[in-house]
Amino acid sequence: MSASIDTIRPRSEAETLDAMRAALADGNTLEIVAGGTKCGLGHPVNAAALLDLSELAGETAYDPSELVLTISPSVKLAEVTAMLAGSRQRLAFEPPDLGPLLGAPAGQGTLGGVLATNLSGPRRPFAGAARDHLLGCRAISGCAEIFVSGSRVVKNVTGYDLPKLLAGSFGTLAVLTSVNVKTLPQPEASATVRLPGLDSAQAVQAMQIALGGPFDVSGAAWLPTSIAAHLDLPEGPATLLRLEGVAVSVADRARMLSDKLSGFASPRLLDRDHTEHLWAGIRDVRPFVNSPGCVWRLSIPPAEGAAVLARLRATLGDIAAYLDWGGGLIWLNIPSPMAREVRSAIADCGGHATLIRAPASDRAALDVFQPLSPGLRALNQRVKVQFDPQNLLNPGRMIPAGRPGQPD
C-alpha cells in the first residue's frame, strides 16, 4: 500500500459504487483495503488509487438464536469476536490475526479481510474454512454492479454459491459491502492433552491415532523445542491435542485419549486458560513474529507432515517450523524465500505452498501462491474476466501483470 497515491474513503455502499464507477470511467485501478493488515499478503498491488473501506457503514443484524450475523465487512475482527462472546458464541473457523506477523498492529484486521483471504486457524480441519461460514453477501463486481448472493440461513440451495468463490479471491473479483456469517456456541470447557518429548514422526503418528478415534479433537499440533518454549511450554518438543465441549465430556475424552496415547509419552493436561493462550499463539504464528526472514505456509496431507519436514531439513538445514492441522499444515520460517527448494519438498505429496511473508521485491518476482495447472489457470482467467474485465480491483495481487492468467 503506497502513501503517495490518492485515497478514497467511502462511508456507504452507494459511495463505494460511485468511486468504482468513476475509476472505471477514468481507466484507473484500485487497491482495496480496510484494516490494512493484509497488504503484505500476495503479490504487491500496482494501482492508481486506494479504496479504503475502513469507514464503510452497514446494517448489523445479530440474533444469537438464529446463529447468523449480518455485518459490514469493514468491522474489526476483534469487535466481532467481542460481540459474539457477549452471547457466548464465536466464529468456529478460528480466524487468525496475522497483523503482527506481517508488520501491522494486533487487533486491527477486519472480518472482510479474513473472508477475502479465506484465513482459518487450527480448527480448520474440524470446523471448515472461512468460506464454509460465509452464508451470503452483498458485493460490487469489477463492472461496478451490485449483486447479492446466498442468504441469512444456514441451509440455502438457491442459485450459484458466489460467496464461496469470493472467499479467498483476495479482493480481485468484487468488493464486499455486507456479509452474513454463521456463528456457533462457545464450548463450556476446553483442555489440551500434551505429549512431551516426541519427534515429528512420532507426533504425526500419535495425532493420526487421536484424530482417527472417538475423541472429537478440535486441534492437533506439534511444536519443536524452541517454538514450544516460545509459547511457554518448557521441557522439549510438545505434541498438543485440544478437546472442547461440555465439561464432563471434555474430562472423559481427555482421560480416554491420555490412556490411548500413553505408549508414546506420559500425557499431561493443560487447563482452559493455558489452552486458550497456547492455541492463540499457534493460530497467529506468534513464534515467527519477531524472527527475521520469510514465512511459508505449506498445506499437505496430514500423514506427510514429518516426511516433508525431513526433506526440508535435508535441503535447507536447521529450519524453524511447526506442524498444525494434525500434520497437514507446516509453518516454516527461513532466511530467504528459496521457493524452488520449498516447493520441491512437497512435490511428491501434492501439497500447496504459499509465501506468507517476504519483502515486496521477492513477492513481485516469485510465485507467492502455488502455481496452477494450465486448466485451472484458464478457469481462473475466465472467472476474473467475468467479474472484473478491466482489471479494476487489486491488479496483480494474485497473478502479477504480464503472467498468464492476469490481464496486463
Protein backbone atom coordinates (compact mmCIF):
# COMPACT_ATOMS: atom_id res chain seq x y z
CA MET A 1 0.00 0.00 0.00
CA SER A 2 1.54 3.26 -1.10
CA ALA A 3 1.09 6.54 0.80
CA SER A 4 1.68 8.57 -2.38
CA ILE A 5 -1.44 7.55 -4.29
CA ASP A 6 -4.92 9.03 -3.86
CA THR A 7 -7.05 7.51 -1.12
CA ILE A 8 -10.84 7.22 -1.38
CA ARG A 9 -12.78 6.54 1.83
CA PRO A 10 -16.44 5.78 1.10
CA ARG A 11 -18.86 5.63 4.02
CA SER A 12 -21.64 3.69 2.32
CA GLU A 13 -22.28 1.14 -0.39
CA ALA A 14 -23.57 3.93 -2.64
CA GLU A 15 -20.37 5.95 -2.24
CA THR A 16 -18.31 2.81 -2.88
CA LEU A 17 -20.26 2.19 -6.09
CA ASP A 18 -19.74 5.80 -7.21
CA ALA A 19 -15.99 5.54 -6.58
CA MET A 20 -15.74 2.34 -8.59
CA ARG A 21 -17.75 3.76 -11.47
CA ALA A 22 -15.52 6.84 -11.54
CA ALA A 23 -12.40 4.68 -11.58
CA LEU A 24 -13.76 2.64 -14.48
CA ALA A 25 -14.67 5.76 -16.42
CA ASP A 26 -11.18 7.19 -15.92
CA GLY A 27 -9.43 3.91 -16.72
CA ASN A 28 -7.93 3.77 -13.21
CA THR A 29 -7.32 0.79 -10.95
CA LEU A 30 -7.98 0.37 -7.22
CA GLU A 31 -6.23 -1.31 -4.34
CA ILE A 32 -8.85 -2.50 -1.84
CA VAL A 33 -8.08 -2.28 1.88
CA ALA A 34 -9.94 -1.94 5.18
CA GLY A 35 -7.81 -2.69 8.23
CA GLY A 36 -4.68 -2.71 6.07
CA THR A 37 -3.11 -5.61 7.98
CA LYS A 38 -3.00 -7.97 5.00
CA CYS A 39 -1.45 -5.71 2.37
CA GLY A 40 1.68 -7.84 2.58
CA LEU A 41 -0.20 -10.99 1.57
CA GLY A 42 0.02 -11.97 -2.08
CA HIS A 43 1.90 -10.12 -4.80
CA PRO A 44 2.32 -6.35 -4.49
CA VAL A 45 -0.57 -4.39 -5.98
CA ASN A 46 0.14 -1.66 -8.52
CA ALA A 47 -2.97 0.52 -8.53
CA ALA A 48 -3.74 4.15 -9.34
CA ALA A 49 -5.73 4.77 -6.14
CA LEU A 50 -6.50 3.25 -2.77
CA LEU A 51 -10.11 2.35 -1.95
CA ASP A 52 -10.07 2.37 1.86
CA LEU A 53 -13.21 0.70 3.24
CA SER A 54 -12.36 1.22 6.91
CA GLU A 55 -15.25 3.70 7.32
CA LEU A 56 -17.80 1.68 5.34
CA ALA A 57 -21.01 1.54 7.37
CA GLY A 58 -23.73 -1.03 7.02
CA GLU A 59 -26.55 -2.90 8.69
CA THR A 60 -25.76 -5.04 11.71
CA ALA A 61 -28.30 -7.78 12.39
CA TYR A 62 -27.49 -10.38 15.01
CA ASP A 63 -29.96 -12.77 16.61
CA PRO A 64 -27.97 -15.34 18.61
CA SER A 65 -30.85 -17.82 18.40
CA GLU A 66 -30.51 -17.85 14.60
CA LEU A 67 -26.71 -18.38 14.71
CA VAL A 68 -26.21 -15.82 11.92
CA LEU A 69 -24.54 -12.40 11.98
CA THR A 70 -25.06 -9.79 9.24
CA ILE A 71 -22.49 -7.01 9.40
CA SER A 72 -20.28 -4.69 7.39
CA PRO A 73 -17.04 -6.47 6.40
CA SER A 74 -15.09 -3.38 7.49
CA VAL A 75 -15.79 -4.08 11.17
CA LYS A 76 -12.67 -5.18 13.03
CA LEU A 77 -12.46 -8.86 13.79
CA ALA A 78 -11.75 -8.07 17.45
CA GLU A 79 -15.08 -6.22 17.66
CA VAL A 80 -16.92 -9.12 16.04
CA THR A 81 -15.31 -11.56 18.47
CA ALA A 82 -16.30 -9.41 21.45
CA MET A 83 -19.87 -9.06 20.16
CA LEU A 84 -20.27 -12.80 19.76
CA ALA A 85 -18.61 -13.53 23.11
CA GLY A 86 -21.33 -11.45 24.79
CA SER A 87 -23.79 -14.12 23.66
CA ARG A 88 -21.33 -16.97 24.33
CA GLN A 89 -20.84 -17.58 20.62
CA ARG A 90 -17.86 -17.50 18.27
CA LEU A 91 -16.62 -17.88 14.70
CA ALA A 92 -15.83 -21.57 14.68
CA PHE A 93 -13.21 -21.37 11.90
CA GLU A 94 -10.92 -19.59 14.39
CA PRO A 95 -9.73 -16.68 12.23
CA PRO A 96 -6.09 -15.74 12.85
CA ASP A 97 -4.68 -12.29 13.45
CA LEU A 98 -1.63 -12.21 11.18
CA GLY A 99 -1.18 -8.46 11.53
CA PRO A 100 1.90 -8.68 13.82
CA LEU A 101 3.44 -11.37 11.61
CA LEU A 102 3.13 -9.00 8.64
CA GLY A 103 4.35 -5.93 10.48
CA ALA A 104 0.97 -4.42 11.38
CA PRO A 105 -0.56 -3.83 14.84
CA ALA A 106 -2.50 -6.59 16.52
CA GLY A 107 -6.28 -6.38 16.63
CA GLN A 108 -6.67 -4.19 13.52
CA GLY A 109 -7.70 -6.84 10.98
CA THR A 110 -11.28 -6.86 9.69
CA LEU A 111 -13.83 -9.59 9.17
CA GLY A 112 -13.86 -8.81 5.44
CA GLY A 113 -10.09 -9.20 5.22
CA VAL A 114 -10.25 -12.63 6.82
CA LEU A 115 -13.02 -13.73 4.46
CA ALA A 116 -11.34 -12.27 1.37
CA THR A 117 -8.17 -14.20 2.13
CA ASN A 118 -10.02 -17.30 3.42
CA LEU A 119 -7.80 -17.46 6.51
CA SER A 120 -8.64 -20.10 9.11
CA GLY A 121 -6.97 -21.27 12.29
CA PRO A 122 -6.19 -24.61 13.98
CA ARG A 123 -9.85 -25.65 13.98
CA ARG A 124 -9.93 -25.58 10.15
CA PRO A 125 -9.86 -29.40 9.57
CA PHE A 126 -12.66 -29.93 12.06
CA ALA A 127 -14.97 -26.91 11.62
CA GLY A 128 -14.29 -25.95 8.00
CA ALA A 129 -12.62 -22.99 6.34
CA ALA A 130 -13.69 -19.35 6.49
CA ARG A 131 -15.57 -19.75 3.19
CA ASP A 132 -17.70 -22.51 4.73
CA HIS A 133 -19.02 -20.00 7.27
CA LEU A 134 -19.81 -17.23 4.76
CA LEU A 135 -23.53 -17.77 4.10
CA GLY A 136 -24.26 -14.75 1.94
CA CYS A 137 -23.10 -11.29 0.93
CA ARG A 138 -23.74 -8.06 -0.90
CA ALA A 139 -20.90 -7.06 -3.17
CA ILE A 140 -19.92 -4.82 -6.07
CA SER A 141 -18.21 -6.50 -9.01
CA GLY A 142 -15.35 -5.04 -11.01
CA CYS A 143 -18.00 -3.99 -13.54
CA ALA A 144 -19.40 -1.66 -10.83
CA GLU A 145 -22.58 -3.72 -10.48
CA ILE A 146 -24.15 -4.58 -7.12
CA PHE A 147 -25.12 -8.21 -6.63
CA VAL A 148 -26.48 -10.29 -3.77
CA SER A 149 -25.76 -13.97 -3.26
CA GLY A 150 -26.55 -16.50 -0.57
CA SER A 151 -28.84 -15.77 2.35
CA ARG A 152 -29.12 -15.41 6.12
CA VAL A 153 -29.98 -19.07 6.69
CA VAL A 154 -27.61 -21.97 7.11
CA LYS A 155 -29.46 -24.20 4.65
CA ASN A 156 -29.67 -22.48 1.29
CA VAL A 157 -29.73 -24.03 -2.18
CA THR A 158 -30.76 -21.07 -4.35
CA GLY A 159 -28.52 -20.02 -7.21
CA TYR A 160 -24.75 -20.18 -7.52
CA ASP A 161 -22.75 -20.15 -4.30
CA LEU A 162 -20.83 -16.98 -5.15
CA PRO A 163 -19.77 -16.26 -1.54
CA LYS A 164 -17.59 -19.38 -1.65
CA LEU A 165 -15.97 -18.05 -4.83
CA LEU A 166 -15.30 -14.61 -3.35
CA ALA A 167 -13.75 -16.05 -0.19
CA GLY A 168 -10.08 -16.48 -0.96
CA SER A 169 -10.15 -14.24 -4.05
CA PHE A 170 -8.11 -11.53 -2.26
CA GLY A 171 -10.42 -8.76 -3.39
CA THR A 172 -9.72 -9.35 -7.07
CA LEU A 173 -13.29 -10.17 -8.13
CA ALA A 174 -15.58 -7.92 -6.10
CA VAL A 175 -15.79 -5.56 -3.12
CA LEU A 176 -17.79 -6.97 -0.22
CA THR A 177 -20.21 -4.44 1.33
CA SER A 178 -22.18 -6.74 3.66
CA VAL A 179 -21.65 -10.33 4.83
CA ASN A 180 -23.74 -12.98 6.54
CA VAL A 181 -21.62 -15.34 8.61
CA LYS A 182 -22.52 -18.42 10.58
CA THR A 183 -21.89 -18.34 14.33
CA LEU A 184 -21.73 -21.23 16.79
CA PRO A 185 -21.90 -21.55 20.59
CA GLN A 186 -18.72 -21.33 22.61
CA PRO A 187 -17.84 -24.61 24.34
CA GLU A 188 -18.45 -24.90 28.06
CA ALA A 189 -14.94 -26.24 28.63
CA SER A 190 -11.65 -26.81 26.82
CA ALA A 191 -8.41 -28.57 27.65
CA THR A 192 -5.27 -29.77 25.90
CA VAL A 193 -3.60 -33.14 26.21
CA ARG A 194 0.15 -32.60 25.92
CA LEU A 195 2.57 -35.36 24.96
CA PRO A 196 6.13 -34.21 25.74
CA GLY A 197 9.32 -35.34 24.06
CA LEU A 198 8.11 -36.73 20.72
CA ASP A 199 9.91 -36.06 17.45
CA SER A 200 7.87 -35.02 14.41
CA ALA A 201 7.41 -38.57 13.09
CA GLN A 202 6.19 -39.87 16.44
CA ALA A 203 3.96 -36.83 16.82
CA VAL A 204 2.29 -37.36 13.45
CA GLN A 205 1.66 -40.98 14.34
CA ALA A 206 0.11 -40.00 17.69
CA MET A 207 -2.00 -37.27 16.11
CA GLN A 208 -3.30 -39.67 13.47
CA ILE A 209 -4.40 -42.09 16.19
CA ALA A 210 -6.11 -39.29 18.10
CA LEU A 211 -7.87 -37.92 15.02
CA GLY A 212 -8.99 -41.38 13.94
CA GLY A 213 -10.57 -42.19 17.30
CA PRO A 214 -13.79 -41.18 19.09
CA PHE A 215 -12.19 -38.25 20.92
CA ASP A 216 -13.59 -35.33 18.89
CA VAL A 217 -10.27 -33.48 18.82
CA SER A 218 -10.55 -29.81 17.73
CA GLY A 219 -6.84 -29.03 17.42
CA ALA A 220 -3.72 -31.12 16.79
CA ALA A 221 -0.24 -29.60 16.59
CA TRP A 222 3.44 -30.42 17.14
CA LEU A 223 5.97 -27.85 18.32
CA PRO A 224 9.75 -28.43 18.39
CA THR A 225 11.67 -27.42 21.49
CA SER A 226 12.42 -23.80 20.58
CA ILE A 227 8.90 -23.00 19.46
CA ALA A 228 7.32 -24.79 22.41
CA ALA A 229 9.48 -22.70 24.76
CA HIS A 230 8.40 -19.53 22.92
CA LEU A 231 4.79 -20.46 23.75
CA ASP A 232 5.59 -21.09 27.44
CA LEU A 233 5.93 -24.87 27.16
CA PRO A 234 9.27 -25.95 28.64
CA GLU A 235 10.73 -29.45 28.62
CA GLY A 236 11.33 -30.06 24.94
CA PRO A 237 9.04 -30.70 21.96
CA ALA A 238 5.30 -30.84 22.55
CA THR A 239 2.50 -32.70 20.79
CA LEU A 240 -0.80 -30.97 21.55
CA LEU A 241 -4.37 -32.24 21.23
CA ARG A 242 -7.22 -29.88 22.06
CA LEU A 243 -10.62 -31.02 23.35
CA GLU A 244 -13.71 -28.79 23.61
CA GLY A 245 -17.32 -29.20 24.66
CA VAL A 246 -19.36 -29.94 27.77
CA ALA A 247 -17.12 -30.11 30.83
CA VAL A 248 -17.88 -33.70 31.76
CA SER A 249 -17.35 -34.81 28.16
CA VAL A 250 -14.01 -32.97 27.90
CA ALA A 251 -12.82 -34.65 31.12
CA ASP A 252 -13.89 -38.11 29.94
CA ARG A 253 -12.36 -37.71 26.48
CA ALA A 254 -9.13 -36.35 27.93
CA ARG A 255 -8.84 -39.39 30.17
CA MET A 256 -9.55 -41.83 27.32
CA LEU A 257 -7.18 -40.04 24.96
CA SER A 258 -4.41 -39.99 27.56
CA ASP A 259 -4.83 -43.72 28.10
CA LYS A 260 -4.81 -44.36 24.35
CA LEU A 261 -1.57 -42.43 23.80
CA SER A 262 0.26 -43.37 26.99
CA GLY A 263 2.57 -45.63 24.98
CA PHE A 264 4.08 -42.54 23.29
CA ALA A 265 4.75 -40.45 26.40
CA SER A 266 3.31 -39.55 29.78
CA PRO A 267 0.37 -37.29 28.88
CA ARG A 268 -0.19 -34.04 30.76
CA LEU A 269 -3.38 -31.99 30.84
CA LEU A 270 -3.39 -28.22 30.27
CA ASP A 271 -6.34 -26.25 31.69
CA ARG A 272 -8.64 -23.87 29.82
CA ASP A 273 -6.65 -20.67 30.36
CA HIS A 274 -3.41 -22.31 29.24
CA THR A 275 -5.23 -23.92 26.31
CA GLU A 276 -6.66 -20.63 25.04
CA HIS A 277 -3.32 -18.80 25.32
CA LEU A 278 -1.42 -21.62 23.65
CA TRP A 279 -3.72 -22.12 20.68
CA ALA A 280 -3.99 -18.38 20.07
CA GLY A 281 -0.19 -18.36 19.70
CA ILE A 282 -0.30 -21.28 17.28
CA ARG A 283 -3.14 -19.65 15.33
CA ASP A 284 -1.45 -16.26 14.99
CA VAL A 285 2.02 -17.71 14.23
CA ARG A 286 3.45 -15.76 17.17
CA PRO A 287 6.73 -17.72 17.30
CA PHE A 288 7.75 -16.09 13.98
CA VAL A 289 6.52 -12.55 14.64
CA ASN A 290 9.87 -11.22 15.84
CA SER A 291 12.01 -13.60 13.80
CA PRO A 292 13.62 -12.24 10.60
CA GLY A 293 13.25 -13.92 7.25
CA CYS A 294 10.45 -15.33 5.15
CA VAL A 295 7.44 -17.33 6.30
CA TRP A 296 5.82 -20.11 4.29
CA ARG A 297 2.53 -21.91 4.86
CA LEU A 298 2.53 -25.46 3.47
CA SER A 299 -0.74 -27.39 3.18
CA ILE A 300 -0.15 -31.12 2.71
CA PRO A 301 -1.78 -34.48 3.52
CA PRO A 302 -1.53 -34.83 7.32
CA ALA A 303 0.30 -38.15 7.22
CA GLU A 304 3.09 -36.49 5.18
CA GLY A 305 3.92 -33.78 7.71
CA ALA A 306 7.00 -35.41 9.24
CA ALA A 307 8.34 -36.61 5.88
CA VAL A 308 8.06 -33.13 4.35
CA LEU A 309 9.81 -31.63 7.38
CA ALA A 310 12.62 -34.15 6.95
CA ARG A 311 13.03 -33.24 3.27
CA LEU A 312 13.07 -29.54 4.11
CA ARG A 313 15.75 -30.06 6.75
CA ALA A 314 17.82 -32.20 4.39
CA THR A 315 17.76 -29.38 1.81
CA LEU A 316 17.68 -26.23 3.93
CA GLY A 317 19.45 -27.30 7.10
CA ASP A 318 18.29 -26.24 10.56
CA ILE A 319 14.92 -24.58 9.96
CA ALA A 320 12.26 -23.14 12.25
CA ALA A 321 8.99 -24.94 11.63
CA TYR A 322 5.99 -26.44 13.38
CA LEU A 323 3.02 -28.59 12.47
CA ASP A 324 -0.69 -27.81 12.78
CA TRP A 325 -3.84 -29.49 11.44
CA GLY A 326 -2.67 -32.91 12.64
CA GLY A 327 0.41 -32.66 10.40
CA GLY A 328 -1.45 -31.17 7.43
CA LEU A 329 -0.10 -27.64 7.85
CA ILE A 330 3.54 -26.59 8.20
CA TRP A 331 4.52 -23.08 9.24
CA LEU A 332 8.08 -22.51 8.06
CA ASN A 333 10.49 -19.63 8.80
CA ILE A 334 13.66 -19.42 6.68
CA PRO A 335 16.15 -16.61 5.91
CA SER A 336 15.18 -16.16 2.25
CA PRO A 337 12.30 -17.47 0.09
CA MET A 338 14.09 -20.45 -1.55
CA ALA A 339 10.84 -21.14 -3.41
CA ARG A 340 12.23 -23.90 -5.61
CA GLU A 341 13.52 -25.88 -2.64
CA VAL A 342 10.34 -25.41 -0.62
CA ARG A 343 8.05 -26.48 -3.45
CA SER A 344 10.27 -29.43 -4.33
CA ALA A 345 9.80 -30.75 -0.79
CA ILE A 346 6.03 -31.04 -1.30
CA ALA A 347 6.01 -32.04 -4.97
CA ASP A 348 5.54 -35.75 -4.32
CA CYS A 349 2.58 -35.36 -1.97
CA GLY A 350 0.52 -32.85 -3.94
CA GLY A 351 0.58 -30.04 -1.42
CA HIS A 352 0.30 -26.27 -1.68
CA ALA A 353 2.98 -23.78 -0.62
CA THR A 354 2.09 -20.13 -0.03
CA LEU A 355 4.67 -17.46 0.69
CA ILE A 356 3.04 -15.55 3.55
CA ARG A 357 5.78 -13.08 4.50
CA ALA A 358 8.62 -11.79 2.32
CA PRO A 359 9.98 -8.46 1.06
CA ALA A 360 7.93 -6.84 -1.70
CA SER A 361 10.73 -7.43 -4.19
CA ASP A 362 10.58 -11.18 -3.59
CA ARG A 363 6.79 -11.22 -3.72
CA ALA A 364 6.91 -9.43 -7.06
CA ALA A 365 9.42 -11.82 -8.58
CA LEU A 366 8.22 -15.19 -7.24
CA ASP A 367 5.03 -17.23 -7.35
CA VAL A 368 3.56 -16.36 -3.96
CA PHE A 369 0.73 -18.85 -4.44
CA GLN A 370 1.08 -22.44 -5.58
CA PRO A 371 1.38 -22.43 -9.41
CA LEU A 372 -1.81 -23.61 -11.08
CA SER A 373 -2.21 -26.26 -13.72
CA PRO A 374 -2.99 -24.91 -17.21
CA GLY A 375 -6.65 -25.88 -16.86
CA LEU A 376 -7.14 -24.17 -13.51
CA ARG A 377 -5.20 -21.13 -14.68
CA ALA A 378 -7.50 -20.78 -17.70
CA LEU A 379 -10.57 -21.20 -15.48
CA ASN A 380 -9.31 -18.51 -13.10
CA GLN A 381 -8.76 -16.15 -16.01
CA ARG A 382 -12.32 -16.69 -17.28
CA VAL A 383 -13.76 -16.02 -13.83
CA LYS A 384 -11.67 -12.85 -13.49
CA VAL A 385 -12.85 -11.58 -16.87
CA GLN A 386 -16.50 -12.21 -15.94
CA PHE A 387 -16.28 -10.31 -12.65
CA ASP A 388 -13.62 -7.70 -13.44
CA PRO A 389 -12.93 -7.41 -17.18
CA GLN A 390 -10.98 -4.14 -16.88
CA ASN A 391 -8.79 -5.45 -14.03
CA LEU A 392 -10.07 -2.70 -11.74
CA LEU A 393 -9.64 -4.50 -8.41
CA ASN A 394 -6.31 -5.28 -6.75
CA PRO A 395 -4.44 -5.68 -10.05
CA GLY A 396 -1.58 -8.14 -9.70
CA ARG A 397 -2.48 -9.32 -6.19
CA MET A 398 -2.92 -12.99 -7.16
CA ILE A 399 -1.07 -13.13 -10.50
CA PRO A 400 1.36 -10.34 -11.42
CA ALA A 401 0.67 -8.41 -14.61
CA GLY A 402 2.23 -9.95 -17.69
CA ARG A 403 1.98 -13.54 -16.47
CA PRO A 404 -0.54 -15.97 -17.98
CA GLY A 405 -3.96 -15.59 -16.40
CA GLN A 406 -3.61 -11.92 -15.48
CA PRO A 407 -4.53 -9.02 -17.79
CA ASP A 408 -1.75 -6.52 -18.45
